[in-house]
Protein backbone atom coordinates (compact mmCIF):
# COMPACT_ATOMS: atom_id res chain seq x y z
CA MET A 1 -13.01 72.91 46.00
CA PRO A 2 -12.92 75.84 43.53
CA THR A 3 -16.63 76.09 43.64
CA SER A 4 -16.70 76.18 47.45
CA PHE A 5 -14.64 79.46 47.58
CA SER A 6 -16.36 81.28 44.76
CA HIS A 7 -18.59 83.19 47.16
CA THR A 8 -15.63 84.34 49.24
CA PHE A 9 -13.77 85.58 46.17
CA ARG A 10 -16.76 87.57 45.07
CA ILE A 11 -16.99 89.27 48.52
CA LEU A 12 -13.29 90.18 48.44
CA ASP A 13 -13.62 91.62 44.97
CA ALA A 14 -16.50 93.74 46.20
CA ASP A 15 -14.48 95.11 49.26
CA ARG A 16 -11.16 95.78 47.39
CA PRO A 17 -11.94 99.50 46.66
CA HIS A 18 -12.54 100.07 50.40
CA PHE A 19 -9.14 98.55 51.33
CA ALA A 20 -7.34 100.74 48.75
CA LEU A 21 -9.00 103.88 50.08
CA ALA A 22 -8.03 103.02 53.67
CA GLY A 23 -4.43 102.43 52.60
CA ILE A 24 -4.23 105.75 50.81
CA LEU A 25 -5.76 107.52 53.79
CA ALA A 26 -3.26 105.88 56.19
CA ALA A 27 -0.32 106.79 53.95
CA THR A 28 -1.54 110.39 53.73
CA LEU A 29 -1.87 110.66 57.52
CA LEU A 30 1.61 109.17 57.99
CA ALA A 31 3.14 111.59 55.48
CA ALA A 32 1.35 114.53 57.13
CA GLY A 33 2.59 113.42 60.54
CA CYS A 34 6.14 113.09 59.26
CA ALA A 35 5.96 116.52 57.63
CA PHE A 36 4.59 118.07 60.84
CA TRP A 37 7.32 116.40 62.90
CA ALA A 38 10.04 117.47 60.46
CA THR A 39 8.91 121.12 60.43
CA CYS A 40 7.58 121.69 63.95
CA ALA A 41 9.31 119.28 66.34
CA GLN A 42 12.25 120.70 68.33
CA VAL A 43 15.40 118.60 68.58
CA ARG A 44 17.93 119.53 71.29
CA LEU A 45 21.52 119.75 70.11
CA TYR A 46 24.32 119.15 72.65
CA GLU A 47 28.04 119.75 72.62
CA VAL A 48 29.88 117.16 74.67
CA THR A 49 33.37 117.11 76.15
CA SER A 50 35.11 114.59 78.33
CA SER A 51 37.54 117.24 79.64
CA ALA A 52 35.61 118.53 82.62
CA ARG A 53 36.12 118.57 86.36
CA LEU A 54 34.84 120.17 89.54
CA GLU A 55 36.73 123.09 91.06
CA VAL A 56 36.20 125.49 93.92
CA GLU A 57 35.12 128.96 92.88
CA ARG A 58 38.27 130.51 94.29
CA ALA A 59 41.52 129.51 92.61
CA VAL A 60 43.74 126.85 94.15
CA TYR A 61 46.76 128.49 95.75
CA PRO A 62 50.12 126.81 95.15
CA ILE A 63 52.70 126.71 97.95
CA ALA A 64 56.26 127.26 96.71
CA SER A 65 59.54 127.94 98.43
CA PRO A 66 60.65 131.55 97.76
CA LEU A 67 64.29 130.57 98.19
CA ALA A 68 66.58 127.62 98.74
CA GLY A 69 67.18 126.43 102.30
CA ARG A 70 67.21 123.65 104.84
CA VAL A 71 63.89 122.59 106.40
CA ILE A 72 63.71 122.75 110.19
CA ASP A 73 59.94 122.26 110.57
CA ALA A 74 57.16 121.16 108.21
CA ARG A 75 53.40 120.96 108.79
CA LEU A 76 52.23 120.03 105.32
CA THR A 77 49.78 117.13 105.52
CA ILE A 78 47.26 116.31 102.81
CA GLY A 79 43.73 117.01 103.98
CA ARG A 80 44.78 119.24 106.89
CA GLU A 81 42.73 122.38 107.46
CA VAL A 82 44.87 125.51 107.69
CA GLN A 83 44.21 129.15 108.48
CA GLU A 84 45.39 132.14 106.49
CA GLY A 85 48.88 133.17 107.60
CA GLU A 86 49.61 129.90 109.40
CA VAL A 87 53.24 128.79 109.16
CA LEU A 88 53.46 125.60 107.12
CA VAL A 89 57.22 125.23 106.55
CA ARG A 90 60.17 126.83 108.35
CA LEU A 91 63.60 127.07 106.76
CA ASP A 92 66.87 127.55 108.61
CA CYS A 93 67.45 131.24 109.50
CA ASP A 94 70.07 131.07 112.28
CA ALA A 95 72.54 133.22 110.34
CA GLU A 96 69.97 136.00 109.91
CA ARG A 97 68.97 135.87 113.59
CA LEU A 98 72.61 136.14 114.69
CA ALA A 99 73.11 139.08 112.33
CA ILE A 100 70.06 140.78 113.84
CA ARG A 101 71.48 140.31 117.34
CA GLU A 102 74.80 141.80 116.26
CA ASN A 103 73.08 144.80 114.74
CA GLN A 104 70.90 145.25 117.81
CA ALA A 105 73.98 145.11 120.08
CA HIS A 106 75.73 147.67 117.88
CA GLN A 107 72.64 149.86 117.97
CA SER A 108 72.46 149.64 121.78
CA ALA A 109 76.12 150.62 122.03
CA LEU A 110 75.49 153.61 119.78
CA ARG A 111 72.55 154.71 121.91
CA ARG A 112 74.68 154.46 125.06
CA GLN A 113 77.40 156.54 123.40
CA ILE A 114 74.83 159.12 122.35
CA ALA A 115 73.47 159.25 125.90
CA ALA A 116 77.00 159.68 127.31
CA LEU A 117 77.75 162.47 124.85
CA GLY A 118 74.48 164.11 125.77
CA GLU A 119 75.49 164.04 129.42
CA GLN A 120 78.84 165.59 128.50
CA ILE A 121 77.05 168.34 126.62
CA ALA A 122 74.81 168.96 129.61
CA SER A 123 77.87 169.05 131.90
CA GLU A 124 79.63 171.48 129.58
CA GLY A 125 76.55 173.65 129.55
CA ARG A 126 76.29 173.66 133.32
CA ALA A 127 80.01 174.38 133.70
CA ARG A 128 79.74 177.18 131.18
CA GLY A 129 76.91 178.74 133.10
CA GLN A 130 78.72 178.43 136.41
CA GLU A 131 81.91 179.80 134.88
CA ARG A 132 80.11 182.78 133.41
CA GLN A 133 78.45 183.42 136.72
CA ALA A 134 81.76 183.20 138.61
CA ALA A 135 83.48 185.30 135.97
CA GLY A 136 80.81 187.94 136.32
CA VAL A 137 81.36 188.13 140.07
CA GLY A 138 85.15 188.26 139.54
CA ARG A 139 84.84 191.00 136.97
CA GLU A 140 82.69 193.08 139.32
CA GLN A 141 85.26 192.61 142.05
CA THR A 142 88.08 193.55 139.66
CA ARG A 143 86.15 196.62 138.52
CA ALA A 144 85.64 197.64 142.13
CA GLU A 145 89.34 197.23 142.84
CA ALA A 146 90.14 199.20 139.67
CA ARG A 147 87.83 202.00 140.80
CA GLU A 148 89.46 201.94 144.23
CA ALA A 149 92.94 202.09 142.68
CA GLU A 150 91.83 204.92 140.40
CA LEU A 151 90.57 206.89 143.38
CA ALA A 152 93.80 206.31 145.29
CA ALA A 153 95.85 207.30 142.26
CA SER A 154 93.77 210.43 141.72
CA HIS A 155 94.08 211.36 145.41
CA ALA A 156 97.88 210.81 145.30
CA GLU A 157 98.16 212.89 142.15
CA ALA A 158 96.19 215.69 143.81
CA ASP A 159 98.52 215.53 146.82
CA GLU A 160 101.51 215.56 144.49
CA GLY A 161 100.16 218.73 142.82
CA ARG A 162 99.71 220.53 146.14
CA MET A 163 103.18 219.48 147.30
CA ALA A 164 104.64 220.77 144.04
CA GLN A 165 103.07 224.17 144.76
CA LEU A 166 104.41 224.13 148.33
CA ARG A 167 107.87 223.16 147.03
CA ALA A 168 107.76 226.07 144.60
CA GLU A 169 106.95 228.42 147.46
CA GLY A 170 109.83 226.93 149.44
CA LEU A 171 107.54 225.56 152.10
CA LEU A 172 108.23 221.84 151.42
CA ALA A 173 111.43 219.97 151.26
CA GLU A 174 112.50 218.31 148.03
CA GLN A 175 112.63 214.90 149.63
CA ALA A 176 109.04 215.02 150.77
CA TYR A 177 107.92 216.16 147.32
CA GLN A 178 109.77 213.33 145.59
CA LYS A 179 108.22 210.83 147.97
CA ALA A 180 104.72 212.12 147.21
CA LYS A 181 105.43 212.07 143.48
CA THR A 182 106.72 208.50 143.64
CA GLU A 183 103.64 207.41 145.58
CA ALA A 184 101.38 209.09 143.03
CA LEU A 185 103.16 207.36 140.14
CA THR A 186 102.95 204.01 141.94
CA LEU A 187 99.25 204.35 142.61
CA ARG A 188 98.63 205.42 138.97
CA ALA A 189 100.51 202.38 137.73
CA ALA A 190 98.45 200.19 140.08
CA ALA A 191 95.22 201.76 138.79
CA GLN A 192 96.27 201.08 135.20
CA ALA A 193 97.13 197.51 136.11
CA ARG A 194 93.70 197.11 137.66
CA ALA A 195 92.07 198.47 134.50
CA ILE A 196 94.09 196.09 132.38
CA ALA A 197 93.08 193.23 134.70
CA VAL A 198 89.40 194.10 134.10
CA ASP A 199 89.88 193.91 130.31
CA ARG A 200 91.93 190.73 130.60
CA ALA A 201 89.25 189.07 132.76
CA GLY A 202 86.69 189.74 130.03
CA GLU A 203 88.99 188.35 127.37
CA ASP A 204 89.75 185.22 129.42
CA LEU A 205 86.03 184.63 129.96
CA GLY A 206 85.40 184.97 126.22
CA THR A 207 88.22 182.54 125.42
CA ARG A 208 87.02 179.92 127.92
CA ASP A 209 83.43 180.35 126.72
CA SER A 210 84.51 179.90 123.10
CA ASP A 211 86.43 176.74 124.04
CA ARG A 212 83.39 175.28 125.78
CA ILE A 213 81.14 176.17 122.81
CA ALA A 214 83.62 174.48 120.49
CA ARG A 215 83.64 171.36 122.69
CA ILE A 216 79.83 171.32 122.80
CA ARG A 217 79.64 171.64 119.02
CA GLY A 218 82.16 168.83 118.64
CA LEU A 219 80.06 166.62 120.93
CA ASP A 220 76.93 167.55 118.92
CA ALA A 221 78.71 166.55 115.72
CA GLN A 222 79.61 163.19 117.24
CA ILE A 223 75.99 162.65 118.27
CA VAL A 224 74.78 163.48 114.75
CA SER A 225 77.32 161.05 113.29
CA LEU A 226 76.25 158.29 115.67
CA GLU A 227 72.52 158.96 115.17
CA ALA A 228 73.01 158.72 111.39
CA GLN A 229 74.12 155.11 111.85
CA ILE A 230 70.93 154.08 113.69
CA PRO A 231 68.59 154.29 110.62
CA GLU A 232 71.11 152.27 108.64
CA ILE A 233 71.11 149.60 111.33
CA ASP A 234 67.28 149.71 111.44
CA ALA A 235 67.20 149.13 107.68
CA ALA A 236 69.66 146.25 108.00
CA ILE A 237 67.55 144.68 110.77
CA ALA A 238 64.38 145.11 108.68
CA ARG A 239 66.10 143.49 105.70
CA LEU A 240 67.23 140.56 107.84
CA GLN A 241 63.76 140.24 109.35
CA TYR A 242 62.33 140.17 105.83
CA GLU A 243 64.69 137.31 104.99
CA ILE A 244 63.53 135.48 108.14
CA ASP A 245 59.89 136.03 107.16
CA ARG A 246 60.63 134.64 103.70
CA ARG A 247 61.96 131.50 105.37
CA GLU A 248 58.59 131.04 107.10
CA ILE A 249 56.34 129.73 104.33
CA ARG A 250 52.78 130.63 105.36
CA ALA A 251 49.35 129.64 104.09
CA PRO A 252 48.19 132.34 101.62
CA VAL A 253 44.54 131.54 102.30
CA ALA A 254 42.41 129.46 104.64
CA GLY A 255 41.43 126.06 103.30
CA ARG A 256 42.50 122.46 103.04
CA VAL A 257 45.88 121.12 101.95
CA GLY A 258 45.11 119.35 98.69
CA GLU A 259 48.65 118.51 97.65
CA ALA A 260 51.92 118.24 99.56
CA VAL A 261 55.40 116.83 99.18
CA VAL A 262 56.99 114.81 101.95
CA LEU A 263 59.26 117.13 103.94
CA ARG A 264 61.28 116.19 106.99
CA PRO A 265 63.63 118.30 109.12
CA GLY A 266 66.98 118.48 107.41
CA ALA A 267 65.62 118.26 103.89
CA VAL A 268 66.81 120.89 101.42
CA VAL A 269 64.38 122.67 99.11
CA LYS A 270 65.23 124.60 95.97
CA ASP A 271 64.35 128.14 95.06
CA GLY A 272 60.83 128.18 93.59
CA GLU A 273 60.21 124.48 94.30
CA LYS A 274 56.51 123.65 94.60
CA LEU A 275 55.75 122.17 98.01
CA GLY A 276 51.98 121.77 97.84
CA ALA A 277 48.67 123.47 97.18
CA ILE A 278 45.78 124.76 99.27
CA VAL A 279 42.20 124.29 98.19
CA PRO A 280 40.18 127.16 99.68
CA SER A 281 36.68 126.61 100.92
CA GLY A 282 33.91 127.98 98.72
CA ARG A 283 31.26 127.23 96.15
CA ILE A 284 31.91 124.27 93.84
CA LYS A 285 31.70 124.90 90.11
CA ALA A 286 32.46 122.88 87.00
CA VAL A 287 35.11 123.73 84.44
CA ALA A 288 35.04 122.20 80.96
CA GLN A 289 37.40 122.49 78.01
CA PHE A 290 35.88 122.67 74.51
CA PRO A 291 37.46 122.96 71.05
CA PRO A 292 37.38 126.55 69.73
CA ASP A 293 35.11 125.71 66.79
CA VAL A 294 32.57 124.26 69.23
CA ALA A 295 32.73 126.85 72.00
CA LEU A 296 33.20 130.20 70.28
CA GLY A 297 29.92 131.56 69.02
CA ARG A 298 27.88 128.52 70.08
CA ILE A 299 28.28 128.22 73.83
CA ARG A 300 26.91 131.22 75.72
CA ALA A 301 26.16 132.14 79.32
CA GLY A 302 22.80 130.87 80.53
CA GLN A 303 22.66 127.70 78.44
CA PRO A 304 21.55 124.57 80.36
CA ALA A 305 24.06 121.77 80.87
CA ARG A 306 24.56 118.57 82.81
CA LEU A 307 27.56 116.78 84.25
CA ARG A 308 28.36 113.10 84.44
CA LEU A 309 31.14 112.41 86.90
CA ASP A 310 33.64 109.61 86.44
CA GLY A 311 33.48 106.97 89.11
CA PHE A 312 29.77 107.57 89.67
CA PRO A 313 27.75 105.82 86.90
CA TRP A 314 25.05 108.18 85.74
CA ILE A 315 22.52 105.35 85.48
CA GLU A 316 22.84 104.83 89.23
CA TYR A 317 23.70 108.33 90.49
CA GLY A 318 22.19 110.44 87.75
CA SER A 319 23.72 113.57 86.26
CA VAL A 320 24.27 116.94 87.90
CA PRO A 321 22.29 119.81 86.35
CA ALA A 322 24.23 123.01 85.68
CA ARG A 323 24.16 126.20 83.65
CA VAL A 324 26.84 127.98 81.65
CA GLU A 325 28.19 130.85 83.74
CA ARG A 326 31.20 132.16 81.80
CA VAL A 327 32.92 131.42 78.50
CA ALA A 328 36.51 132.43 77.87
CA GLY A 329 37.15 134.69 74.90
CA GLU A 330 40.66 133.41 74.18
CA VAL A 331 42.03 130.01 73.23
CA ARG A 332 44.54 128.51 75.64
CA ASP A 333 46.43 125.28 75.00
CA GLY A 334 44.15 124.57 72.06
CA SER A 335 40.84 124.76 73.96
CA VAL A 336 38.37 127.24 75.39
CA ARG A 337 37.55 127.30 79.11
CA VAL A 338 33.85 127.13 79.97
CA GLU A 339 32.69 127.57 83.58
CA LEU A 340 29.44 125.99 84.71
CA ALA A 341 27.42 126.87 87.82
CA LEU A 342 25.85 123.87 89.52
CA ASP A 343 22.13 123.90 90.28
CA ALA A 344 21.91 125.14 93.87
CA GLY A 345 18.63 123.34 94.52
CA PHE A 346 19.88 119.95 93.31
CA HIS A 347 20.74 117.39 95.99
CA SER A 348 23.06 114.69 94.73
CA ARG A 349 24.27 111.53 96.38
CA ILE A 350 27.66 112.25 94.83
CA PRO A 351 30.11 113.91 97.27
CA LEU A 352 30.88 116.98 95.20
CA GLN A 353 34.44 118.05 95.86
CA HIS A 354 37.32 119.76 94.15
CA GLY A 355 39.08 117.73 91.48
CA LEU A 356 36.34 115.24 90.51
CA PRO A 357 36.69 114.57 86.73
CA GLY A 358 33.84 113.90 84.38
CA SER A 359 32.14 114.93 81.15
CA ALA A 360 29.89 117.87 80.34
CA GLU A 361 26.97 118.20 77.95
CA ILE A 362 25.75 121.68 77.02
CA GLU A 363 22.52 122.33 75.15
CA VAL A 364 23.63 124.81 72.51
CA GLU A 365 20.40 125.13 70.49
CA ARG A 366 17.09 123.60 69.41
CA ALA A 367 16.26 122.96 65.73
CA THR A 368 13.65 121.12 63.68
CA PRO A 369 14.60 117.96 61.77
CA TRP A 370 14.04 119.82 58.52
CA GLU A 371 16.54 122.51 59.56
CA LEU A 372 19.02 119.80 60.41
CA VAL A 373 18.56 118.17 57.02
CA ARG A 374 19.01 121.47 55.22
CA ARG A 375 22.08 122.25 57.37
CA HIS A 376 23.60 118.87 56.58
CA ALA A 377 22.83 119.27 52.90
CA GLY A 378 24.43 122.69 52.82
CA ARG A 379 27.51 121.43 54.63
CA ARG A 380 27.78 118.45 52.27
CA SER A 381 27.40 120.73 49.25
CA SER A 382 30.21 122.94 50.53
CA GLU A 383 32.43 119.91 50.99
CA LEU A 384 31.69 118.69 47.48
CA ARG A 385 32.51 122.12 45.98
CA THR A 386 35.74 122.21 47.93
CA GLU A 387 36.72 118.78 46.69
CA ALA A 388 35.83 119.73 43.11
CA SER A 389 37.94 122.93 43.30
CA ARG A 390 40.95 120.87 44.31
């Protein structure tokens, strides 16, 4: 048997240098390939968070009761489409409505009083004019009578002077002269009385006119006092109407009721109690929460991302492509908010709607394997130095 394989062993001994050269060449090519991959290949690095969900672009509007009250009507139903300004809940406002009616009745009474006083002022004005007109006619008549009495008195006095001359000449009896003198004195007294009557008529007219002016001014003062109450009542009515409006809880924006408490007529709500929320219609976006050391400085606008939504296995439904749109600059509740814009051209079988939870993966950078090794080595070295310093 040994002799039968001697030829084979000699052939293998002759080919052994060729096998060694092929092995060295293969090892060299493998090392070169590994070196090329380690220095030139690009590895995508992702930051992943399970705190992500879909939201509408516009903020969700909460519905809260501005004050405590008793419910008389409620139209809050989950999924119901509402319009901006639509009344969703009405609270009892009978007391305010009754107060408005009382104020309106008071205001109407004041307006009627003002109208009546205005009519009195108009009547006083007309009476004043008529009185002045009549007084003017009377004064003219009195002046005419005074002039007539003055003429008669002057004529009698002239006669009395002539009779005195005739008496001095002895041509007239004393009795006739005394009669003429008495008549002259009587007519002069009547003329003076007429003159006094003219002055008194003017004074009486002035007194009556002053009285009417005083009454008109008093009526004007009453009107001013009553009119001053009307703005106060208007303000009270506006304040009561504002309270009524506050008891009508309206939809702040058009959209769909996404959350609502069960309210029935007769239920009592508290001041500031949350009654529901409205999800406005609009573009769907994704919101993710990342730790500060991951987000700040590493996640930037424009970076590609993808979403995997809970309840829809990504193997079956796939992931939703997205892109970083905004990154918050402040930490809130221990995390940083990152907003992602969904790919508008992507058509998914998943019904994308507000509130769907999921996870987000964001491509933060690309590095070669060699850079990753160096980075890990540097981080490990820093950790070792820190442990040694302790």
